[in-house]
Each structure stands twice: as structure tokens, then as C-alpha cells.
Amino acid sequence: MGHTDDLEKRIAEHNTGTMPCYTQKRLPVEVVYSQNFATRFEAIVAERQAKGWNRKKKQALIDGDWDLISELSKRNKI
């Protein structure tokens, strides 16, 4: 997960190994989900929220399964 102003450039940086980070030893990377935001602040808030989600909820986001995301959110409030 991350945020950028230029998604294609960011992917290329990851896949060429020029960006030292978590993905450097896990190449190639591919985008499975992206979303546009009006401001960088909104993007960072959404990124931090999703990073706190469990794997099942992240997969539901990738799949666009909003009903499952909602259900999983309710379970965490119990």
C-alpha cells in the first residue's frame, strides 16, 4: 500500500528495484487496487485505515465486495 501522484512511475520504480523498500525482494509487483482522492491527506488517511485491516478485509476491498467489508467492520465493533 502506498500513495503517489503518478501510479505508473511508482510501479516502475518498484519493479526496477530502484526504490529500497519492502517490495524490493518481492518483485515484480502489480497493482490490485487503486483509488483516487482529491487531496494527499485523504489518500494518507485511507491508506492508514486499510493498513490496519486484516487480510480478509483487504481482499474484500480488492474484490470490490462492499457488503463483506461492511460485515467485517461490524464484527470488529462487537
N, C-alpha and C. Protein backbone atom coordinates (compact mmCIF):
# COMPACT_ATOMS: atom_id res chain seq x y z
N MET A 1 0.84 -1.18 0.00
CA MET A 1 0.00 0.00 0.00
C MET A 1 0.88 1.23 0.00
N GLY A 2 0.37 2.24 -0.63
CA GLY A 2 1.10 3.50 -0.68
C GLY A 2 0.29 4.54 -1.40
N HIS A 3 0.85 5.72 -1.46
CA HIS A 3 0.18 6.79 -2.19
C HIS A 3 1.19 7.46 -3.12
N THR A 4 0.68 7.96 -4.24
CA THR A 4 1.54 8.57 -5.24
C THR A 4 0.72 9.49 -6.15
N ASP A 5 1.41 10.40 -6.79
CA ASP A 5 0.77 11.25 -7.78
C ASP A 5 0.88 10.65 -9.18
N ASP A 6 1.76 9.65 -9.34
CA ASP A 6 2.00 9.03 -10.64
C ASP A 6 2.14 7.51 -10.45
N LEU A 7 1.04 6.81 -10.59
CA LEU A 7 0.99 5.37 -10.31
C LEU A 7 1.93 4.57 -11.22
N GLU A 8 1.93 4.86 -12.49
CA GLU A 8 2.79 4.12 -13.43
C GLU A 8 4.27 4.29 -13.08
N LYS A 9 4.66 5.51 -12.74
CA LYS A 9 6.04 5.77 -12.35
C LYS A 9 6.39 5.00 -11.08
N ARG A 10 5.49 5.01 -10.13
CA ARG A 10 5.73 4.32 -8.85
C ARG A 10 5.90 2.82 -9.06
N ILE A 11 5.08 2.22 -9.90
CA ILE A 11 5.19 0.79 -10.18
C ILE A 11 6.53 0.49 -10.85
N ALA A 12 6.91 1.32 -11.80
CA ALA A 12 8.19 1.14 -12.48
C ALA A 12 9.35 1.24 -11.50
N GLU A 13 9.29 2.18 -10.56
CA GLU A 13 10.34 2.31 -9.56
C GLU A 13 10.45 1.04 -8.71
N HIS A 14 9.33 0.49 -8.34
CA HIS A 14 9.34 -0.75 -7.57
C HIS A 14 9.92 -1.89 -8.39
N ASN A 15 9.46 -2.05 -9.61
CA ASN A 15 9.85 -3.20 -10.43
C ASN A 15 11.27 -3.14 -10.95
N THR A 16 11.87 -1.96 -11.00
CA THR A 16 13.28 -1.86 -11.39
C THR A 16 14.20 -2.01 -10.19
N GLY A 17 13.62 -2.03 -9.00
CA GLY A 17 14.41 -2.20 -7.78
C GLY A 17 15.10 -0.94 -7.33
N THR A 18 14.76 0.20 -7.92
CA THR A 18 15.41 1.46 -7.56
C THR A 18 14.83 2.08 -6.29
N MET A 19 13.74 1.52 -5.79
CA MET A 19 13.10 2.03 -4.59
C MET A 19 13.35 1.05 -3.45
N PRO A 20 14.28 1.38 -2.55
CA PRO A 20 14.57 0.45 -1.45
C PRO A 20 13.41 0.41 -0.46
N CYS A 21 12.71 -0.71 -0.43
CA CYS A 21 11.55 -0.84 0.45
C CYS A 21 11.16 -2.31 0.56
N TYR A 22 10.04 -2.55 1.20
CA TYR A 22 9.52 -3.90 1.43
C TYR A 22 9.43 -4.71 0.14
N THR A 23 9.04 -4.08 -0.95
CA THR A 23 8.80 -4.82 -2.20
C THR A 23 10.08 -5.18 -2.94
N GLN A 24 11.21 -4.63 -2.56
CA GLN A 24 12.44 -4.81 -3.31
C GLN A 24 12.81 -6.27 -3.53
N LYS A 25 12.51 -7.12 -2.56
CA LYS A 25 12.82 -8.55 -2.68
C LYS A 25 11.61 -9.37 -3.09
N ARG A 26 10.53 -8.70 -3.48
CA ARG A 26 9.27 -9.39 -3.82
C ARG A 26 8.78 -8.94 -5.20
N LEU A 27 9.68 -8.98 -6.16
CA LEU A 27 9.36 -8.48 -7.50
C LEU A 27 8.87 -9.61 -8.39
N PRO A 28 8.09 -9.32 -9.40
CA PRO A 28 7.54 -8.00 -9.72
C PRO A 28 6.29 -7.68 -8.88
N VAL A 29 6.04 -6.42 -8.71
CA VAL A 29 4.82 -6.00 -8.02
C VAL A 29 3.75 -5.72 -9.07
N GLU A 30 2.51 -5.83 -8.66
CA GLU A 30 1.41 -5.49 -9.55
C GLU A 30 0.33 -4.78 -8.73
N VAL A 31 -0.38 -3.89 -9.36
CA VAL A 31 -1.45 -3.16 -8.69
C VAL A 31 -2.71 -4.01 -8.72
N VAL A 32 -3.30 -4.22 -7.55
CA VAL A 32 -4.54 -4.98 -7.47
C VAL A 32 -5.70 -4.07 -7.08
N TYR A 33 -5.39 -2.88 -6.60
CA TYR A 33 -6.43 -1.93 -6.23
C TYR A 33 -5.83 -0.53 -6.22
N SER A 34 -6.58 0.42 -6.75
CA SER A 34 -6.17 1.83 -6.65
C SER A 34 -7.43 2.67 -6.53
N GLN A 35 -7.25 3.82 -5.94
CA GLN A 35 -8.37 4.73 -5.73
C GLN A 35 -7.83 6.15 -5.80
N ASN A 36 -8.58 7.04 -6.40
CA ASN A 36 -8.18 8.44 -6.48
C ASN A 36 -8.80 9.23 -5.34
N PHE A 37 -8.05 10.21 -4.85
CA PHE A 37 -8.51 11.09 -3.79
C PHE A 37 -8.27 12.53 -4.20
N ALA A 38 -9.07 13.43 -3.67
CA ALA A 38 -8.96 14.85 -4.00
C ALA A 38 -7.68 15.46 -3.43
N THR A 39 -7.25 14.95 -2.28
CA THR A 39 -6.05 15.51 -1.64
C THR A 39 -5.13 14.39 -1.17
N ARG A 40 -3.87 14.72 -1.00
CA ARG A 40 -2.89 13.77 -0.48
C ARG A 40 -3.28 13.35 0.95
N PHE A 41 -3.78 14.29 1.73
CA PHE A 41 -4.20 14.00 3.09
C PHE A 41 -5.27 12.90 3.12
N GLU A 42 -6.27 13.01 2.25
CA GLU A 42 -7.33 11.99 2.18
C GLU A 42 -6.75 10.63 1.81
N ALA A 43 -5.79 10.63 0.89
CA ALA A 43 -5.15 9.38 0.47
C ALA A 43 -4.39 8.73 1.63
N ILE A 44 -3.68 9.54 2.38
CA ILE A 44 -2.90 9.02 3.51
C ILE A 44 -3.82 8.47 4.59
N VAL A 45 -4.92 9.16 4.87
CA VAL A 45 -5.88 8.68 5.87
C VAL A 45 -6.45 7.33 5.44
N ALA A 46 -6.84 7.21 4.18
CA ALA A 46 -7.40 5.94 3.68
C ALA A 46 -6.36 4.83 3.71
N GLU A 47 -5.12 5.16 3.35
CA GLU A 47 -4.04 4.17 3.37
C GLU A 47 -3.80 3.65 4.79
N ARG A 48 -3.73 4.54 5.74
CA ARG A 48 -3.51 4.14 7.14
C ARG A 48 -4.66 3.27 7.65
N GLN A 49 -5.87 3.62 7.26
CA GLN A 49 -7.03 2.83 7.68
C GLN A 49 -6.93 1.41 7.13
N ALA A 50 -6.67 1.30 5.83
CA ALA A 50 -6.62 -0.02 5.19
C ALA A 50 -5.43 -0.85 5.69
N LYS A 51 -4.33 -0.21 6.02
CA LYS A 51 -3.18 -0.95 6.55
C LYS A 51 -3.50 -1.63 7.87
N GLY A 52 -4.48 -1.12 8.60
CA GLY A 52 -4.88 -1.72 9.86
C GLY A 52 -5.87 -2.86 9.70
N TRP A 53 -6.34 -3.10 8.50
CA TRP A 53 -7.32 -4.16 8.25
C TRP A 53 -6.64 -5.52 8.20
N ASN A 54 -7.43 -6.56 8.50
CA ASN A 54 -6.91 -7.92 8.37
C ASN A 54 -6.92 -8.33 6.89
N ARG A 55 -6.30 -9.46 6.61
CA ARG A 55 -6.15 -9.92 5.22
C ARG A 55 -7.50 -10.12 4.52
N LYS A 56 -8.47 -10.67 5.25
CA LYS A 56 -9.78 -10.94 4.64
C LYS A 56 -10.47 -9.64 4.21
N LYS A 57 -10.37 -8.63 5.03
CA LYS A 57 -10.99 -7.35 4.71
C LYS A 57 -10.27 -6.66 3.55
N LYS A 58 -8.94 -6.77 3.52
CA LYS A 58 -8.17 -6.21 2.39
C LYS A 58 -8.55 -6.92 1.09
N GLN A 59 -8.72 -8.24 1.15
CA GLN A 59 -9.11 -8.99 -0.05
C GLN A 59 -10.50 -8.57 -0.51
N ALA A 60 -11.40 -8.31 0.43
CA ALA A 60 -12.74 -7.84 0.06
C ALA A 60 -12.64 -6.48 -0.65
N LEU A 61 -11.74 -5.63 -0.20
CA LEU A 61 -11.53 -4.33 -0.86
C LEU A 61 -11.04 -4.54 -2.29
N ILE A 62 -10.06 -5.41 -2.46
CA ILE A 62 -9.53 -5.73 -3.80
C ILE A 62 -10.64 -6.26 -4.70
N ASP A 63 -11.50 -7.12 -4.13
CA ASP A 63 -12.60 -7.72 -4.89
C ASP A 63 -13.78 -6.78 -5.11
N GLY A 64 -13.76 -5.65 -4.42
CA GLY A 64 -14.88 -4.71 -4.52
C GLY A 64 -16.13 -5.21 -3.82
N ASP A 65 -15.95 -6.07 -2.83
CA ASP A 65 -17.07 -6.67 -2.10
C ASP A 65 -17.42 -5.79 -0.90
N TRP A 66 -18.17 -4.73 -1.15
CA TRP A 66 -18.50 -3.74 -0.12
C TRP A 66 -19.40 -4.33 0.96
N ASP A 67 -20.23 -5.30 0.62
CA ASP A 67 -21.08 -5.95 1.63
C ASP A 67 -20.22 -6.69 2.65
N LEU A 68 -19.20 -7.40 2.16
CA LEU A 68 -18.31 -8.14 3.06
C LEU A 68 -17.49 -7.17 3.91
N ILE A 69 -17.01 -6.10 3.32
CA ILE A 69 -16.27 -5.10 4.09
C ILE A 69 -17.14 -4.57 5.22
N SER A 70 -18.39 -4.26 4.91
CA SER A 70 -19.31 -3.77 5.92
C SER A 70 -19.54 -4.81 7.01
N GLU A 71 -19.72 -6.07 6.62
CA GLU A 71 -19.94 -7.14 7.59
C GLU A 71 -18.72 -7.32 8.48
N LEU A 72 -17.54 -7.32 7.89
CA LEU A 72 -16.32 -7.48 8.67
C LEU A 72 -16.11 -6.30 9.61
N SER A 73 -16.52 -5.13 9.20
CA SER A 73 -16.41 -3.95 10.06
C SER A 73 -17.32 -4.07 11.27
N LYS A 74 -18.52 -4.59 11.06
CA LYS A 74 -19.46 -4.78 12.16
C LYS A 74 -18.94 -5.78 13.18
N ARG A 75 -18.29 -6.83 12.69
CA ARG A 75 -17.76 -7.87 13.59
C ARG A 75 -16.71 -7.29 14.53
N ASN A 76 -15.91 -6.34 14.06
CA ASN A 76 -14.87 -5.75 14.87
C ASN A 76 -15.41 -4.83 15.96
N LYS A 77 -16.64 -4.40 15.83
CA LYS A 77 -17.23 -3.48 16.80
C LYS A 77 -17.88 -4.20 17.97
N ILE A 78 -17.98 -5.51 17.87
CA ILE A 78 -18.64 -6.29 18.92
C ILE A 78 -17.75 -6.41 20.13
